[in-house]
């Protein structure tokens, strides 16, 4: 049988039953909020770990930039935003 099982000869019930079966089927396919959270953790990693990695990347970038300052000809700080 297919996704929408219907075994009656009475067509009057089809008007109510088929839309209900479609609605019920789509509701069963949806993930719960907890399932969505768990999938995000599994695919992207825990938020705490990602935050720590970003922090380390910023620190490395800052150190690299600061090590290049002695060789720089010009240093621009607090550059104003031109509109």
PDB file of N, CA and C in Angstrom:
ATOM      1  N   UNK A   1       0.842  -1.177   0.000  1.00  0.00           N
ATOM      2  CA  UNK A   1       0.000   0.000   0.000  1.00  0.00           C
ATOM      3  C   UNK A   1       0.887   1.240   0.000  1.00  0.00           C
ATOM      4  N   UNK A   2       0.306   2.352  -0.373  1.00  0.00           N
ATOM      5  CA  UNK A   2       1.037   3.598  -0.475  1.00  0.00           C
ATOM      6  C   UNK A   2       1.055   4.361   0.839  1.00  0.00           C
ATOM      7  N   UNK A   3       1.464   5.582   0.743  1.00  0.00           N
ATOM      8  CA  UNK A   3       1.554   6.453   1.911  1.00  0.00           C
ATOM      9  C   UNK A   3       0.170   6.762   2.444  1.00  0.00           C
ATOM     10  N   UNK A   4      -0.775   6.988   1.516  1.00  0.00           N
ATOM     11  CA  UNK A   4      -2.131   7.352   1.913  1.00  0.00           C
ATOM     12  C   UNK A   4      -3.032   6.142   1.729  1.00  0.00           C
ATOM     13  N   UNK A   5      -3.192   5.350   2.779  1.00  0.00           N
ATOM     14  CA  UNK A   5      -3.972   4.114   2.716  1.00  0.00           C
ATOM     15  C   UNK A   5      -5.458   4.433   2.844  1.00  0.00           C
ATOM     16  N   UNK A   6      -6.227   3.941   1.905  1.00  0.00           N
ATOM     17  CA  UNK A   6      -7.675   4.124   1.977  1.00  0.00           C
ATOM     18  C   UNK A   6      -8.317   2.927   1.336  1.00  0.00           C
ATOM     19  N   UNK A   7      -9.193   2.223   2.069  1.00  0.00           N
ATOM     20  CA  UNK A   7      -9.753   0.972   1.590  1.00  0.00           C
ATOM     21  C   UNK A   7     -11.271   0.967   1.573  1.00  0.00           C
ATOM     22  N   UNK A   8     -11.916   2.113   1.478  1.00  0.00           N
ATOM     23  CA  UNK A   8     -13.372   2.170   1.507  1.00  0.00           C
ATOM     24  C   UNK A   8     -13.898   2.576   0.142  1.00  0.00           C
ATOM     25  N   UNK A   9     -15.142   2.167  -0.154  1.00  0.00           N
ATOM     26  CA  UNK A   9     -15.775   2.545  -1.415  1.00  0.00           C
ATOM     27  C   UNK A   9     -16.566   3.842  -1.259  1.00  0.00           C
ATOM     28  N   UNK A  10     -16.701   4.349  -0.050  1.00  0.00           N
ATOM     29  CA  UNK A  10     -17.502   5.540   0.215  1.00  0.00           C
ATOM     30  C   UNK A  10     -16.675   6.791  -0.093  1.00  0.00           C
ATOM     31  N   UNK A  11     -17.037   7.536  -1.135  1.00  0.00           N
ATOM     32  CA  UNK A  11     -16.289   8.714  -1.558  1.00  0.00           C
ATOM     33  C   UNK A  11     -16.501   9.916  -0.659  1.00  0.00           C
ATOM     34  N   UNK A  12     -17.555   9.927   0.150  1.00  0.00           N
ATOM     35  CA  UNK A  12     -17.818  11.097   0.992  1.00  0.00           C
ATOM     36  C   UNK A  12     -16.759  11.242   2.089  1.00  0.00           C
ATOM     37  N   UNK A  13     -16.193  10.141   2.519  1.00  0.00           N
ATOM     38  CA  UNK A  13     -15.155  10.205   3.539  1.00  0.00           C
ATOM     39  C   UNK A  13     -13.816  10.667   2.977  1.00  0.00           C
ATOM     40  N   UNK A  14     -13.654  10.555   1.661  1.00  0.00           N
ATOM     41  CA  UNK A  14     -12.396  10.960   1.038  1.00  0.00           C
ATOM     42  C   UNK A  14     -12.132  12.448   1.230  1.00  0.00           C
ATOM     43  N   UNK A  15     -13.180  13.253   1.230  1.00  0.00           N
ATOM     44  CA  UNK A  15     -13.017  14.702   1.361  1.00  0.00           C
ATOM     45  C   UNK A  15     -12.395  15.086   2.692  1.00  0.00           C
ATOM     46  N   UNK A  16     -12.619  14.292   3.709  1.00  0.00           N
ATOM     47  CA  UNK A  16     -12.067  14.574   5.029  1.00  0.00           C
ATOM     48  C   UNK A  16     -10.820  13.733   5.287  1.00  0.00           C
ATOM     49  N   UNK A  17     -10.850  12.498   4.871  1.00  0.00           N
ATOM     50  CA  UNK A  17      -9.800  11.563   5.251  1.00  0.00           C
ATOM     51  C   UNK A  17      -8.481  11.831   4.530  1.00  0.00           C
ATOM     52  N   UNK A  18      -8.498  12.100   3.259  1.00  0.00           N
ATOM     53  CA  UNK A  18      -7.256  12.299   2.512  1.00  0.00           C
ATOM     54  C   UNK A  18      -6.499  13.532   3.005  1.00  0.00           C
ATOM     55  N   UNK A  19      -7.162  14.699   3.163  1.00  0.00           N
ATOM     56  CA  UNK A  19      -6.412  15.834   3.721  1.00  0.00           C
ATOM     57  C   UNK A  19      -5.866  15.547   5.116  1.00  0.00           C
ATOM     58  N   UNK A  20      -6.628  14.814   5.927  1.00  0.00           N
ATOM     59  CA  UNK A  20      -6.141  14.461   7.257  1.00  0.00           C
ATOM     60  C   UNK A  20      -4.918  13.564   7.168  1.00  0.00           C
ATOM     61  N   UNK A  21      -4.951  12.585   6.255  1.00  0.00           N
ATOM     62  CA  UNK A  21      -3.806  11.694   6.109  1.00  0.00           C
ATOM     63  C   UNK A  21      -2.577  12.459   5.642  1.00  0.00           C
ATOM     64  N   UNK A  22      -2.752  13.417   4.746  1.00  0.00           N
ATOM     65  CA  UNK A  22      -1.628  14.235   4.279  1.00  0.00           C
ATOM     66  C   UNK A  22      -1.066  15.034   5.451  1.00  0.00           C
ATOM     67  N   UNK A  23      -1.944  15.662   6.225  1.00  0.00           N
ATOM     68  CA  UNK A  23      -1.518  16.451   7.393  1.00  0.00           C
ATOM     69  C   UNK A  23      -0.790  15.558   8.396  1.00  0.00           C
ATOM     70  N   UNK A  24      -1.381  14.408   8.701  1.00  0.00           N
ATOM     71  CA  UNK A  24      -0.796  13.491   9.683  1.00  0.00           C
ATOM     72  C   UNK A  24       0.574  12.995   9.215  1.00  0.00           C
ATOM     73  N   UNK A  25       0.698  12.676   7.954  1.00  0.00           N
ATOM     74  CA  UNK A  25       1.961  12.199   7.398  1.00  0.00           C
ATOM     75  C   UNK A  25       3.042  13.268   7.505  1.00  0.00           C
ATOM     76  N   UNK A  26       2.718  14.510   7.162  1.00  0.00           N
ATOM     77  CA  UNK A  26       3.719  15.584   7.233  1.00  0.00           C
ATOM     78  C   UNK A  26       4.104  15.882   8.676  1.00  0.00           C
ATOM     79  N   UNK A  27       3.176  15.768   9.610  1.00  0.00           N
ATOM     80  CA  UNK A  27       3.494  15.991  11.016  1.00  0.00           C
ATOM     81  C   UNK A  27       4.429  14.910  11.547  1.00  0.00           C
ATOM     82  N   UNK A  28       4.247  13.688  11.096  1.00  0.00           N
ATOM     83  CA  UNK A  28       5.115  12.592  11.543  1.00  0.00           C
ATOM     84  C   UNK A  28       6.528  12.734  10.991  1.00  0.00           C
ATOM     85  N   UNK A  29       6.681  13.394   9.842  1.00  0.00           N
ATOM     86  CA  UNK A  29       8.003  13.577   9.252  1.00  0.00           C
ATOM     87  C   UNK A  29       8.815  14.638   9.975  1.00  0.00           C
ATOM     88  N   UNK A  30       8.167  15.561  10.666  1.00  0.00           N
ATOM     89  CA  UNK A  30       8.867  16.666  11.318  1.00  0.00           C
ATOM     90  C   UNK A  30       9.672  16.176  12.505  1.00  0.00           C
ATOM     91  N   UNK A  31      10.815  16.840  12.704  1.00  0.00           N
ATOM     92  CA  UNK A  31      11.671  16.507  13.837  1.00  0.00           C
ATOM     93  C   UNK A  31      11.238  17.314  15.055  1.00  0.00           C
ATOM     94  N   UNK A  32      11.448  16.757  16.238  1.00  0.00           N
ATOM     95  CA  UNK A  32      11.179  17.509  17.454  1.00  0.00           C
ATOM     96  C   UNK A  32      12.305  18.514  17.674  1.00  0.00           C
ATOM     97  N   UNK A  33      12.072  19.476  18.547  1.00  0.00           N
ATOM     98  CA  UNK A  33      13.079  20.490  18.833  1.00  0.00           C
ATOM     99  C   UNK A  33      14.360  19.854  19.370  1.00  0.00           C
ATOM    100  N   UNK A  34      14.216  18.845  20.223  1.00  0.00           N
ATOM    101  CA  UNK A  34      15.379  18.162  20.777  1.00  0.00           C
ATOM    102  C   UNK A  34      16.158  17.437  19.679  1.00  0.00           C
ATOM    103  N   UNK A  35      15.450  16.824  18.725  1.00  0.00           N
ATOM    104  CA  UNK A  35      16.122  16.145  17.621  1.00  0.00           C
ATOM    105  C   UNK A  35      16.904  17.142  16.760  1.00  0.00           C
ATOM    106  N   UNK A  36      16.347  18.328  16.554  1.00  0.00           N
ATOM    107  CA  UNK A  36      17.037  19.368  15.784  1.00  0.00           C
ATOM    108  C   UNK A  36      18.307  19.793  16.512  1.00  0.00           C
ATOM    109  N   UNK A  37      18.214  20.015  17.826  1.00  0.00           N
ATOM    110  CA  UNK A  37      19.385  20.409  18.620  1.00  0.00           C
ATOM    111  C   UNK A  37      20.463  19.339  18.585  1.00  0.00           C
ATOM    112  N   UNK A  38      20.062  18.090  18.752  1.00  0.00           N
ATOM    113  CA  UNK A  38      21.032  16.997  18.736  1.00  0.00           C
ATOM    114  C   UNK A  38      21.715  16.886  17.378  1.00  0.00           C
ATOM    115  N   UNK A  39      20.953  17.054  16.303  1.00  0.00           N
ATOM    116  CA  UNK A  39      21.545  16.964  14.975  1.00  0.00           C
ATOM    117  C   UNK A  39      22.541  18.102  14.747  1.00  0.00           C
ATOM    118  N   UNK A  40      22.218  19.307  15.217  1.00  0.00           N
ATOM    119  CA  UNK A  40      23.137  20.432  15.084  1.00  0.00           C
ATOM    120  C   UNK A  40      24.441  20.157  15.829  1.00  0.00           C
ATOM    121  N   UNK A  41      24.335  19.603  17.029  1.00  0.00           N
ATOM    122  CA  UNK A  41      25.541  19.286  17.804  1.00  0.00           C
ATOM    123  C   UNK A  41      26.383  18.237  17.093  1.00  0.00           C
ATOM    124  N   UNK A  42      25.725  17.251  16.491  1.00  0.00           N
ATOM    125  CA  UNK A  42      26.461  16.178  15.818  1.00  0.00           C
ATOM    126  C   UNK A  42      27.120  16.652  14.533  1.00  0.00           C
ATOM    127  N   UNK A  43      26.458  17.539  13.807  1.00  0.00           N
ATOM    128  CA  UNK A  43      27.011  17.955  12.517  1.00  0.00           C
ATOM    129  C   UNK A  43      27.999  19.104  12.647  1.00  0.00           C
ATOM    130  N   UNK A  44      27.729  20.048  13.546  1.00  0.00           N
ATOM    131  CA  UNK A  44      28.570  21.230  13.651  1.00  0.00           C
ATOM    132  C   UNK A  44      29.439  21.255  14.900  1.00  0.00           C
ATOM    133  N   UNK A  45      29.213  20.385  15.808  1.00  0.00           N
ATOM    134  CA  UNK A  45      29.987  20.382  17.042  1.00  0.00           C
ATOM    135  C   UNK A  45      29.294  21.198  18.120  1.00  0.00           C
ATOM    136  N   UNK A  46      29.771  21.051  19.329  1.00  0.00           N
ATOM    137  CA  UNK A  46      29.171  21.760  20.453  1.00  0.00           C
ATOM    138  C   UNK A  46      29.498  23.247  20.364  1.00  0.00           C
ATOM    139  N   UNK A  47      28.551  24.112  20.749  1.00  0.00           N
ATOM    140  CA  UNK A  47      28.782  25.557  20.681  1.00  0.00           C
ATOM    141  C   UNK A  47      29.970  26.014  21.522  1.00  0.00           C
ATOM    142  N   UNK A  48      30.204  25.375  22.663  1.00  0.00           N
ATOM    143  CA  UNK A  48      31.316  25.764  23.527  1.00  0.00           C
ATOM    144  C   UNK A  48      32.658  25.516  22.833  1.00  0.00           C
ATOM    145  N   UNK A  49      32.749  24.382  22.155  1.00  0.00           N
ATOM    146  CA  UNK A  49      33.989  24.030  21.458  1.00  0.00           C
ATOM    147  C   UNK A  49      34.208  24.983  20.283  1.00  0.00           C
ATOM    148  N   UNK A  50      33.146  25.263  19.538  1.00  0.00           N
ATOM    149  CA  UNK A  50      33.271  26.182  18.406  1.00  0.00           C
ATOM    150  C   UNK A  50      33.690  27.571  18.879  1.00  0.00           C
ATOM    151  N   UNK A  51      33.138  28.023  20.003  1.00  0.00           N
ATOM    152  CA  UNK A  51      33.514  29.327  20.546  1.00  0.00           C
ATOM    153  C   UNK A  51      34.971  29.372  20.959  1.00  0.00           C
ATOM    154  N   UNK A  52      35.445  28.315  21.565  1.00  0.00           N
ATOM    155  CA  UNK A  52      36.854  28.250  21.983  1.00  0.00           C
ATOM    156  C   UNK A  52      37.779  28.258  20.764  1.00  0.00           C
ATOM    157  N   UNK A  53      37.393  27.525  19.720  1.00  0.00           N
ATOM    158  CA  UNK A  53      38.201  27.504  18.497  1.00  0.00           C
ATOM    159  C   UNK A  53      38.266  28.894  17.887  1.00  0.00           C
ATOM    160  N   UNK A  54      37.137  29.601  17.831  1.00  0.00           N
ATOM    161  CA  UNK A  54      37.127  30.962  17.293  1.00  0.00           C
ATOM    162  C   UNK A  54      38.012  31.888  18.123  1.00  0.00           C
ATOM    163  N   UNK A  55      37.955  31.732  19.448  1.00  0.00           N
ATOM    164  CA  UNK A  55      38.779  32.557  20.329  1.00  0.00           C
ATOM    165  C   UNK A  55      40.264  32.320  20.050  1.00  0.00           C
ATOM    166  N   UNK A  56      40.667  31.067  19.917  1.00  0.00           N
ATOM    167  CA  UNK A  56      42.067  30.748  19.612  1.00  0.00           C
ATOM    168  C   UNK A  56      42.471  31.313  18.252  1.00  0.00           C
ATOM    169  N   UNK A  57      41.573  31.243  17.278  1.00  0.00           N
ATOM    170  CA  UNK A  57      41.881  31.792  15.958  1.00  0.00           C
ATOM    171  C   UNK A  57      42.081  33.303  16.025  1.00  0.00           C
ATOM    172  N   UNK A  58      41.246  33.998  16.807  1.00  0.00           N
ATOM    173  CA  UNK A  58      41.408  35.446  16.974  1.00  0.00           C
ATOM    174  C   UNK A  58      42.739  35.770  17.631  1.00  0.00           C
ATOM    175  N   UNK A  59      43.106  35.004  18.656  1.00  0.00           N
ATOM    176  CA  UNK A  59      44.371  35.242  19.351  1.00  0.00           C
ATOM    177  C   UNK A  59      45.560  35.036  18.417  1.00  0.00           C
ATOM    178  N   UNK A  60      45.527  33.983  17.620  1.00  0.00           N
ATOM    179  CA  UNK A  60      46.608  33.721  16.673  1.00  0.00           C
ATOM    180  C   UNK A  60      46.687  34.845  15.647  1.00  0.00           C
ATOM    181  N   UNK A  61      45.548  35.278  15.157  1.00  0.00           N
ATOM    182  CA  UNK A  61      45.520  36.370  14.181  1.00  0.00           C
ATOM    183  C   UNK A  61      46.071  37.657  14.783  1.00  0.00           C
ATOM    184  N   UNK A  62      45.703  37.933  16.025  1.00  0.00           N
ATOM    185  CA  UNK A  62      46.182  39.144  16.716  1.00  0.00           C
ATOM    186  C   UNK A  62      47.701  39.094  16.895  1.00  0.00           C
ATOM    187  N   UNK A  63      48.226  37.932  17.312  1.00  0.00           N
ATOM    188  CA  UNK A  63      49.675  37.798  17.483  1.00  0.00           C
ATOM    189  C   UNK A  63      50.410  37.976  16.160  1.00  0.00           C
ATOM    190  N   UNK A  64      49.856  37.404  15.091  1.00  0.00           N
ATOM    191  CA  UNK A  64      50.474  37.522  13.771  1.00  0.00           C
ATOM    192  C   UNK A  64      50.501  38.983  13.326  1.00  0.00           C
ATOM    193  N   UNK A  65      49.389  39.698  13.564  1.00  0.00           N
ATOM    194  CA  UNK A  65      49.325  41.101  13.188  1.00  0.00           C
ATOM    195  C   UNK A  65      50.319  41.929  14.000  1.00  0.00           C
ATOM    196  N   UNK A  66      50.379  41.671  15.293  1.00  0.00           N
ATOM    197  CA  UNK A  66      51.278  42.440  16.160  1.00  0.00           C
ATOM    198  C   UNK A  66      52.749  42.147  15.843  1.00  0.00           C
ATOM    199  N   UNK A  67      53.050  40.947  15.383  1.00  0.00           N
ATOM    200  CA  UNK A  67      54.432  40.635  15.033  1.00  0.00           C
ATOM    201  C   UNK A  67      54.842  41.330  13.740  1.00  0.00           C
ATOM    202  N   UNK A  68      53.890  41.725  12.918  1.00  0.00           N
ATOM    203  CA  UNK A  68      54.193  42.409  11.657  1.00  0.00           C
ATOM    204  C   UNK A  68      54.325  43.916  11.849  1.00  0.00           C
ATOM    205  N   UNK A  69      53.960  44.445  13.011  1.00  0.00           N
ATOM    206  CA  UNK A  69      54.007  45.889  13.252  1.00  0.00           C
ATOM    207  C   UNK A  69      55.425  46.464  13.142  1.00  0.00           C
ATOM    208  N   UNK A  70      56.456  45.840  13.693  1.00  0.00           N
ATOM    209  CA  UNK A  70      57.801  46.434  13.591  1.00  0.00           C
ATOM    210  C   UNK A  70      58.283  46.637  12.146  1.00  0.00           C
ATOM    211  N   UNK A  71      57.875  45.808  11.220  1.00  0.00           N
ATOM    212  CA  UNK A  71      58.295  45.959   9.827  1.00  0.00           C
ATOM    213  C   UNK A  71      57.381  46.863   9.020  1.00  0.00           C
ATOM    214  N   UNK A  72      56.274  47.318   9.588  1.00  0.00           N
ATOM    215  CA  UNK A  72      55.294  48.100   8.835  1.00  0.00           C
ATOM    216  C   UNK A  72      55.794  49.517   8.581  1.00  0.00           C
ATOM    217  N   UNK A  73      55.475  50.050   7.390  1.00  0.00           N
ATOM    218  CA  UNK A  73      55.798  51.445   7.057  1.00  0.00           C
ATOM    219  C   UNK A  73      54.723  52.379   7.618  1.00  0.00           C
ATOM    220  N   UNK A  74      53.473  51.948   7.590  1.00  0.00           N
ATOM    221  CA  UNK A  74      52.347  52.766   8.056  1.00  0.00           C
ATOM    222  C   UNK A  74      51.442  51.884   8.895  1.00  0.00           C
ATOM    223  N   UNK A  75      50.931  52.423   9.986  1.00  0.00           N
ATOM    224  CA  UNK A  75      49.975  51.712  10.841  1.00  0.00           C
ATOM    225  C   UNK A  75      48.740  52.591  10.962  1.00  0.00           C
ATOM    226  N   UNK A  76      47.603  52.049  10.596  1.00  0.00           N
ATOM    227  CA  UNK A  76      46.334  52.783  10.671  1.00  0.00           C
ATOM    228  C   UNK A  76      45.550  52.240  11.868  1.00  0.00           C
ATOM    229  N   UNK A  77      45.166  53.142  12.755  1.00  0.00           N
ATOM    230  CA  UNK A  77      44.378  52.731  13.926  1.00  0.00           C
ATOM    231  C   UNK A  77      43.118  53.560  13.989  1.00  0.00           C
ATOM    232  N   UNK A  78      42.035  52.967  14.454  1.00  0.00           N
ATOM    233  CA  UNK A  78      40.742  53.639  14.610  1.00  0.00           C
ATOM    234  C   UNK A  78      40.360  54.405  13.351  1.00  0.00           C
ATOM    235  N   UNK A  79      40.392  53.736  12.265  1.00  0.00           N
ATOM    236  CA  UNK A  79      40.061  54.353  10.987  1.00  0.00           C
ATOM    237  C   UNK A  79      38.591  54.782  10.994  1.00  0.00           C
ATOM    238  N   UNK A  80      38.284  56.063  10.694  1.00  0.00           N
ATOM    239  CA  UNK A  80      36.889  56.498  10.708  1.00  0.00           C
ATOM    240  C   UNK A  80      36.114  55.911   9.537  1.00  0.00           C
ATOM    241  N   UNK A  81      34.834  55.762   9.741  1.00  0.00           N
ATOM    242  CA  UNK A  81      33.980  55.220   8.693  1.00  0.00           C
ATOM    243  C   UNK A  81      33.553  56.372   7.782  1.00  0.00           C
ATOM    244  N   UNK A  82      33.835  56.264   6.510  1.00  0.00           N
ATOM    245  CA  UNK A  82      33.473  57.290   5.528  1.00  0.00           C
ATOM    246  C   UNK A  82      32.132  56.927   4.905  1.00  0.00           C
ATOM    247  N   UNK A  83      31.201  57.860   5.008  1.00  0.00           N
ATOM    248  CA  UNK A  83      29.891  57.604   4.387  1.00  0.00           C
ATOM    249  C   UNK A  83      29.696  58.418   3.154  1.00  0.00           C
TER     250      UNK A  83
END
